[in-house]
PDB file of N, CA and C in Angstrom:
ATOM      1  N   UNK A   1     -21.136   5.554   8.726  1.00  0.00           N
ATOM      2  CA  UNK A   1     -20.477   4.905   7.607  1.00  0.00           C
ATOM      3  C   UNK A   1     -19.095   5.516   7.413  1.00  0.00           C
ATOM      4  N   UNK A   2     -18.091   4.665   7.310  1.00  0.00           N
ATOM      5  CA  UNK A   2     -16.727   5.139   7.123  1.00  0.00           C
ATOM      6  C   UNK A   2     -16.493   5.550   5.669  1.00  0.00           C
ATOM      7  N   UNK A   3     -15.639   6.542   5.501  1.00  0.00           N
ATOM      8  CA  UNK A   3     -15.173   6.917   4.163  1.00  0.00           C
ATOM      9  C   UNK A   3     -14.005   6.002   3.819  1.00  0.00           C
ATOM     10  N   UNK A   4     -13.835   5.756   2.524  1.00  0.00           N
ATOM     11  CA  UNK A   4     -12.784   4.845   2.076  1.00  0.00           C
ATOM     12  C   UNK A   4     -11.734   5.639   1.310  1.00  0.00           C
ATOM     13  N   UNK A   5     -10.495   5.516   1.766  1.00  0.00           N
ATOM     14  CA  UNK A   5      -9.365   6.172   1.110  1.00  0.00           C
ATOM     15  C   UNK A   5      -8.522   5.092   0.446  1.00  0.00           C
ATOM     16  N   UNK A   6      -8.258   5.263  -0.851  1.00  0.00           N
ATOM     17  CA  UNK A   6      -7.411   4.328  -1.586  1.00  0.00           C
ATOM     18  C   UNK A   6      -6.121   5.056  -1.950  1.00  0.00           C
ATOM     19  N   UNK A   7      -5.006   4.489  -1.549  1.00  0.00           N
ATOM     20  CA  UNK A   7      -3.693   5.066  -1.842  1.00  0.00           C
ATOM     21  C   UNK A   7      -2.987   4.175  -2.863  1.00  0.00           C
ATOM     22  N   UNK A   8      -2.414   4.810  -3.862  1.00  0.00           N
ATOM     23  CA  UNK A   8      -1.684   4.079  -4.898  1.00  0.00           C
ATOM     24  C   UNK A   8      -0.328   4.748  -5.078  1.00  0.00           C
ATOM     25  N   UNK A   9       0.635   4.383  -4.212  1.00  0.00           N
ATOM     26  CA  UNK A   9       1.956   4.998  -4.328  1.00  0.00           C
ATOM     27  C   UNK A   9       2.657   4.589  -5.616  1.00  0.00           C
ATOM     28  N   UNK A  10       3.493   5.476  -6.109  1.00  0.00           N
ATOM     29  CA  UNK A  10       4.350   5.146  -7.246  1.00  0.00           C
ATOM     30  C   UNK A  10       5.091   3.881  -6.894  1.00  0.00           C
ATOM     31  N   UNK A  11       5.397   3.057  -7.865  1.00  0.00           N
ATOM     32  CA  UNK A  11       5.959   1.741  -7.591  1.00  0.00           C
ATOM     33  C   UNK A  11       7.403   1.760  -7.105  1.00  0.00           C
ATOM     34  N   UNK A  12       8.042   2.914  -7.084  1.00  0.00           N
ATOM     35  CA  UNK A  12       9.403   3.002  -6.562  1.00  0.00           C
ATOM     36  C   UNK A  12       9.437   2.762  -5.066  1.00  0.00           C
ATOM     37  N   UNK A  13      10.414   2.017  -4.611  1.00  0.00           N
ATOM     38  CA  UNK A  13      10.516   1.661  -3.188  1.00  0.00           C
ATOM     39  C   UNK A  13      10.551   2.878  -2.271  1.00  0.00           C
ATOM     40  N   UNK A  14      11.129   3.983  -2.727  1.00  0.00           N
ATOM     41  CA  UNK A  14      11.237   5.161  -1.855  1.00  0.00           C
ATOM     42  C   UNK A  14       9.887   5.809  -1.561  1.00  0.00           C
ATOM     43  N   UNK A  15       8.850   5.428  -2.275  1.00  0.00           N
ATOM     44  CA  UNK A  15       7.521   5.983  -2.040  1.00  0.00           C
ATOM     45  C   UNK A  15       6.723   5.134  -1.050  1.00  0.00           C
ATOM     46  N   UNK A  16       7.140   3.915  -0.810  1.00  0.00           N
ATOM     47  CA  UNK A  16       6.345   2.996  -0.014  1.00  0.00           C
ATOM     48  C   UNK A  16       6.267   3.369   1.457  1.00  0.00           C
ATOM     49  N   UNK A  17       7.394   3.667   2.079  1.00  0.00           N
ATOM     50  CA  UNK A  17       7.397   3.979   3.508  1.00  0.00           C
ATOM     51  C   UNK A  17       6.580   5.236   3.800  1.00  0.00           C
ATOM     52  N   UNK A  18       6.770   6.342   3.063  1.00  0.00           N
ATOM     53  CA  UNK A  18       5.928   7.514   3.339  1.00  0.00           C
ATOM     54  C   UNK A  18       4.435   7.233   3.158  1.00  0.00           C
ATOM     55  N   UNK A  19       4.062   6.437   2.174  1.00  0.00           N
ATOM     56  CA  UNK A  19       2.649   6.113   1.988  1.00  0.00           C
ATOM     57  C   UNK A  19       2.136   5.219   3.113  1.00  0.00           C
ATOM     58  N   UNK A  20       2.969   4.294   3.586  1.00  0.00           N
ATOM     59  CA  UNK A  20       2.570   3.462   4.727  1.00  0.00           C
ATOM     60  C   UNK A  20       2.360   4.333   5.960  1.00  0.00           C
ATOM     61  N   UNK A  21       3.235   5.319   6.148  1.00  0.00           N
ATOM     62  CA  UNK A  21       3.088   6.234   7.286  1.00  0.00           C
ATOM     63  C   UNK A  21       1.823   7.083   7.144  1.00  0.00           C
ATOM     64  N   UNK A  22       1.562   7.585   5.945  1.00  0.00           N
ATOM     65  CA  UNK A  22       0.343   8.351   5.694  1.00  0.00           C
ATOM     66  C   UNK A  22      -0.891   7.494   5.959  1.00  0.00           C
ATOM     67  N   UNK A  23      -0.870   6.263   5.487  1.00  0.00           N
ATOM     68  CA  UNK A  23      -2.004   5.362   5.700  1.00  0.00           C
ATOM     69  C   UNK A  23      -2.265   5.150   7.189  1.00  0.00           C
ATOM     70  N   UNK A  24      -1.212   5.036   7.981  1.00  0.00           N
ATOM     71  CA  UNK A  24      -1.369   4.847   9.416  1.00  0.00           C
ATOM     72  C   UNK A  24      -1.954   6.085  10.091  1.00  0.00           C
ATOM     73  N   UNK A  25      -1.573   7.254   9.628  1.00  0.00           N
ATOM     74  CA  UNK A  25      -2.145   8.492  10.171  1.00  0.00           C
ATOM     75  C   UNK A  25      -3.642   8.537   9.872  1.00  0.00           C
ATOM     76  N   UNK A  26      -4.011   8.218   8.646  1.00  0.00           N
ATOM     77  CA  UNK A  26      -5.428   8.211   8.263  1.00  0.00           C
ATOM     78  C   UNK A  26      -6.179   7.135   9.051  1.00  0.00           C
ATOM     79  N   UNK A  27      -5.582   5.971   9.197  1.00  0.00           N
ATOM     80  CA  UNK A  27      -6.214   4.864   9.924  1.00  0.00           C
ATOM     81  C   UNK A  27      -6.556   5.255  11.358  1.00  0.00           C
ATOM     82  N   UNK A  28      -5.689   6.016  11.996  1.00  0.00           N
ATOM     83  CA  UNK A  28      -5.915   6.422  13.387  1.00  0.00           C
ATOM     84  C   UNK A  28      -7.122   7.351  13.547  1.00  0.00           C
ATOM     85  N   UNK A  29      -7.587   7.935  12.469  1.00  0.00           N
ATOM     86  CA  UNK A  29      -8.733   8.843  12.540  1.00  0.00           C
ATOM     87  C   UNK A  29     -10.050   8.106  12.752  1.00  0.00           C
ATOM     88  N   UNK A  30     -10.046   6.801  12.613  1.00  0.00           N
ATOM     89  CA  UNK A  30     -11.192   5.919  12.879  1.00  0.00           C
ATOM     90  C   UNK A  30     -12.403   6.124  11.965  1.00  0.00           C
ATOM     91  N   UNK A  31     -12.486   7.231  11.269  1.00  0.00           N
ATOM     92  CA  UNK A  31     -13.631   7.480  10.382  1.00  0.00           C
ATOM     93  C   UNK A  31     -13.344   6.997   8.966  1.00  0.00           C
ATOM     94  N   UNK A  32     -12.181   6.399   8.770  1.00  0.00           N
ATOM     95  CA  UNK A  32     -11.751   6.015   7.428  1.00  0.00           C
ATOM     96  C   UNK A  32     -11.323   4.556   7.367  1.00  0.00           C
ATOM     97  N   UNK A  33     -11.615   3.951   6.241  1.00  0.00           N
ATOM     98  CA  UNK A  33     -11.045   2.672   5.866  1.00  0.00           C
ATOM     99  C   UNK A  33      -9.962   2.991   4.844  1.00  0.00           C
ATOM    100  N   UNK A  34      -8.803   2.370   4.986  1.00  0.00           N
ATOM    101  CA  UNK A  34      -7.677   2.668   4.105  1.00  0.00           C
ATOM    102  C   UNK A  34      -7.270   1.413   3.335  1.00  0.00           C
ATOM    103  N   UNK A  35      -7.074   1.581   2.037  1.00  0.00           N
ATOM    104  CA  UNK A  35      -6.569   0.512   1.180  1.00  0.00           C
ATOM    105  C   UNK A  35      -5.371   1.041   0.406  1.00  0.00           C
ATOM    106  N   UNK A  36      -4.314   0.259   0.379  1.00  0.00           N
ATOM    107  CA  UNK A  36      -3.149   0.584  -0.447  1.00  0.00           C
ATOM    108  C   UNK A  36      -3.072  -0.460  -1.546  1.00  0.00           C
ATOM    109  N   UNK A  37      -2.954  -0.004  -2.784  1.00  0.00           N
ATOM    110  CA  UNK A  37      -2.799  -0.917  -3.918  1.00  0.00           C
ATOM    111  C   UNK A  37      -1.420  -0.735  -4.534  1.00  0.00           C
ATOM    112  N   UNK A  38      -0.840  -1.849  -4.978  1.00  0.00           N
ATOM    113  CA  UNK A  38       0.474  -1.796  -5.608  1.00  0.00           C
ATOM    114  C   UNK A  38       0.800  -3.173  -6.168  1.00  0.00           C
ATOM    115  N   UNK A  39       2.032  -3.333  -6.609  1.00  0.00           N
ATOM    116  CA  UNK A  39       2.460  -4.613  -7.172  1.00  0.00           C
ATOM    117  C   UNK A  39       2.605  -5.648  -6.054  1.00  0.00           C
ATOM    118  N   UNK A  40       2.555  -6.922  -6.384  1.00  0.00           N
ATOM    119  CA  UNK A  40       2.698  -7.963  -5.352  1.00  0.00           C
ATOM    120  C   UNK A  40       4.003  -7.840  -4.553  1.00  0.00           C
ATOM    121  N   UNK A  41       5.091  -7.540  -5.225  1.00  0.00           N
ATOM    122  CA  UNK A  41       6.379  -7.393  -4.531  1.00  0.00           C
ATOM    123  C   UNK A  41       6.346  -6.230  -3.553  1.00  0.00           C
ATOM    124  N   UNK A  42       5.790  -5.108  -3.980  1.00  0.00           N
ATOM    125  CA  UNK A  42       5.720  -3.949  -3.096  1.00  0.00           C
ATOM    126  C   UNK A  42       4.731  -4.147  -1.956  1.00  0.00           C
ATOM    127  N   UNK A  43       3.687  -4.918  -2.182  1.00  0.00           N
ATOM    128  CA  UNK A  43       2.738  -5.214  -1.100  1.00  0.00           C
ATOM    129  C   UNK A  43       3.442  -5.992   0.006  1.00  0.00           C
ATOM    130  N   UNK A  44       4.331  -6.910  -0.367  1.00  0.00           N
ATOM    131  CA  UNK A  44       5.107  -7.637   0.649  1.00  0.00           C
ATOM    132  C   UNK A  44       5.957  -6.678   1.471  1.00  0.00           C
ATOM    133  N   UNK A  45       6.566  -5.712   0.795  1.00  0.00           N
ATOM    134  CA  UNK A  45       7.372  -4.712   1.493  1.00  0.00           C
ATOM    135  C   UNK A  45       6.495  -3.872   2.419  1.00  0.00           C
ATOM    136  N   UNK A  46       5.359  -3.416   1.915  1.00  0.00           N
ATOM    137  CA  UNK A  46       4.446  -2.613   2.731  1.00  0.00           C
ATOM    138  C   UNK A  46       3.980  -3.384   3.960  1.00  0.00           C
ATOM    139  N   UNK A  47       3.658  -4.642   3.773  1.00  0.00           N
ATOM    140  CA  UNK A  47       3.174  -5.471   4.892  1.00  0.00           C
ATOM    141  C   UNK A  47       4.203  -5.498   6.017  1.00  0.00           C
ATOM    142  N   UNK A  48       5.478  -5.505   5.666  1.00  0.00           N
ATOM    143  CA  UNK A  48       6.524  -5.570   6.695  1.00  0.00           C
ATOM    144  C   UNK A  48       6.635  -4.267   7.496  1.00  0.00           C
ATOM    145  N   UNK A  49       6.127  -3.165   6.958  1.00  0.00           N
ATOM    146  CA  UNK A  49       6.184  -1.888   7.665  1.00  0.00           C
ATOM    147  C   UNK A  49       4.970  -1.633   8.544  1.00  0.00           C
ATOM    148  N   UNK A  50       3.909  -2.393   8.357  1.00  0.00           N
ATOM    149  CA  UNK A  50       2.675  -2.155   9.103  1.00  0.00           C
ATOM    150  C   UNK A  50       2.599  -3.095  10.302  1.00  0.00           C
ATOM    151  N   UNK A  51       2.089  -2.596  11.434  1.00  0.00           N
ATOM    152  CA  UNK A  51       1.936  -3.482  12.594  1.00  0.00           C
ATOM    153  C   UNK A  51       0.895  -4.563  12.326  1.00  0.00           C
ATOM    154  N   UNK A  52       1.018  -5.674  13.009  1.00  0.00           N
ATOM    155  CA  UNK A  52       0.089  -6.795  12.828  1.00  0.00           C
ATOM    156  C   UNK A  52      -1.353  -6.389  13.132  1.00  0.00           C
ATOM    157  N   UNK A  53      -1.534  -5.414  13.992  1.00  0.00           N
ATOM    158  CA  UNK A  53      -2.880  -4.975  14.382  1.00  0.00           C
ATOM    159  C   UNK A  53      -3.508  -3.995  13.391  1.00  0.00           C
ATOM    160  N   UNK A  54      -2.793  -3.655  12.342  1.00  0.00           N
ATOM    161  CA  UNK A  54      -3.285  -2.673  11.375  1.00  0.00           C
ATOM    162  C   UNK A  54      -4.541  -3.170  10.661  1.00  0.00           C
ATOM    163  N   UNK A  55      -5.446  -2.239  10.401  1.00  0.00           N
ATOM    164  CA  UNK A  55      -6.656  -2.559   9.640  1.00  0.00           C
ATOM    165  C   UNK A  55      -6.542  -2.086   8.192  1.00  0.00           C
ATOM    166  N   UNK A  56      -5.364  -1.639   7.794  1.00  0.00           N
ATOM    167  CA  UNK A  56      -5.131  -1.169   6.428  1.00  0.00           C
ATOM    168  C   UNK A  56      -5.176  -2.366   5.486  1.00  0.00           C
ATOM    169  N   UNK A  57      -5.970  -2.245   4.439  1.00  0.00           N
ATOM    170  CA  UNK A  57      -6.086  -3.308   3.444  1.00  0.00           C
ATOM    171  C   UNK A  57      -4.974  -3.140   2.413  1.00  0.00           C
ATOM    172  N   UNK A  58      -4.349  -4.244   2.041  1.00  0.00           N
ATOM    173  CA  UNK A  58      -3.312  -4.240   1.019  1.00  0.00           C
ATOM    174  C   UNK A  58      -3.799  -5.089  -0.151  1.00  0.00           C
ATOM    175  N   UNK A  59      -3.835  -4.480  -1.334  1.00  0.00           N
ATOM    176  CA  UNK A  59      -4.334  -5.162  -2.523  1.00  0.00           C
ATOM    177  C   UNK A  59      -3.244  -5.151  -3.585  1.00  0.00           C
ATOM    178  N   UNK A  60      -2.910  -6.336  -4.075  1.00  0.00           N
ATOM    179  CA  UNK A  60      -1.887  -6.376  -5.128  1.00  0.00           C
ATOM    180  C   UNK A  60      -2.542  -6.423  -6.504  1.00  0.00           C
ATOM    181  N   UNK A  61      -1.950  -5.657  -7.390  1.00  0.00           N
ATOM    182  CA  UNK A  61      -2.378  -5.622  -8.782  1.00  0.00           C
ATOM    183  C   UNK A  61      -1.421  -6.488  -9.589  1.00  0.00           C
ATOM    184  N   UNK A  62      -1.941  -7.344 -10.454  1.00  0.00           N
ATOM    185  CA  UNK A  62      -1.050  -8.181 -11.255  1.00  0.00           C
ATOM    186  C   UNK A  62      -0.061  -7.312 -12.042  1.00  0.00           C
ATOM    187  N   UNK A  63       1.191  -7.655 -11.948  1.00  0.00           N
ATOM    188  CA  UNK A  63       2.220  -6.896 -12.662  1.00  0.00           C
ATOM    189  C   UNK A  63       3.411  -7.810 -12.906  1.00  0.00           C
ATOM    190  N   UNK A  64       3.752  -7.986 -14.165  1.00  0.00           N
ATOM    191  CA  UNK A  64       4.920  -8.762 -14.549  1.00  0.00           C
ATOM    192  C   UNK A  64       5.880  -7.812 -15.255  1.00  0.00           C
ATOM    193  N   UNK A  65       6.984  -7.444 -14.586  1.00  0.00           N
ATOM    194  CA  UNK A  65       7.909  -6.457 -15.162  1.00  0.00           C
ATOM    195  C   UNK A  65       8.415  -6.822 -16.554  1.00  0.00           C
ATOM    196  N   UNK A  66       8.631  -8.095 -16.796  1.00  0.00           N
ATOM    197  CA  UNK A  66       9.165  -8.478 -18.115  1.00  0.00           C
ATOM    198  C   UNK A  66       8.154  -8.226 -19.242  1.00  0.00           C
ATOM    199  N   UNK A  67       6.872  -8.203 -18.926  1.00  0.00           N
ATOM    200  CA  UNK A  67       5.864  -7.880 -19.933  1.00  0.00           C
ATOM    201  C   UNK A  67       6.011  -6.445 -20.430  1.00  0.00           C
ATOM    202  N   UNK A  68       6.705  -5.617 -19.659  1.00  0.00           N
ATOM    203  CA  UNK A  68       6.860  -4.205 -19.990  1.00  0.00           C
ATOM    204  C   UNK A  68       8.307  -3.826 -20.251  1.00  0.00           C
ATOM    205  N   UNK A  69       9.139  -4.836 -20.467  1.00  0.00           N
ATOM    206  CA  UNK A  69      10.541  -4.576 -20.775  1.00  0.00           C
ATOM    207  C   UNK A  69      11.353  -4.148 -19.565  1.00  0.00           C
ATOM    208  N   UNK A  70      10.879  -4.478 -18.368  1.00  0.00           N
ATOM    209  CA  UNK A  70      11.578  -4.102 -17.141  1.00  0.00           C
ATOM    210  C   UNK A  70      12.169  -5.333 -16.487  1.00  0.00           C
ATOM    211  N   UNK A  71      13.283  -5.155 -15.844  1.00  0.00           N
ATOM    212  CA  UNK A  71      13.911  -6.256 -15.084  1.00  0.00           C
ATOM    213  C   UNK A  71      13.867  -5.887 -13.619  1.00  0.00           C
ATOM    214  N   UNK A  72      13.749  -6.893 -12.778  1.00  0.00           N
ATOM    215  CA  UNK A  72      13.731  -6.634 -11.327  1.00  0.00           C
ATOM    216  C   UNK A  72      15.101  -6.635 -10.758  1.00  0.00           C
TER     217      UNK A  72
END
């Protein structure tokens, strides 16, 4: 049975690439399933950094910046 690692990088763009790289290192160990959760916009960015053959799961959490007084 594989262990499951869930990564939740800070929503800042500068955190996404290092977390994608970390996820790939963990994925190569074969004993782990990896899931990255983040906002829908950041999931699109993460998807572009991962190879098509990746088994890393990407899960978007509903997030509307204007609901929190933030602008994109």
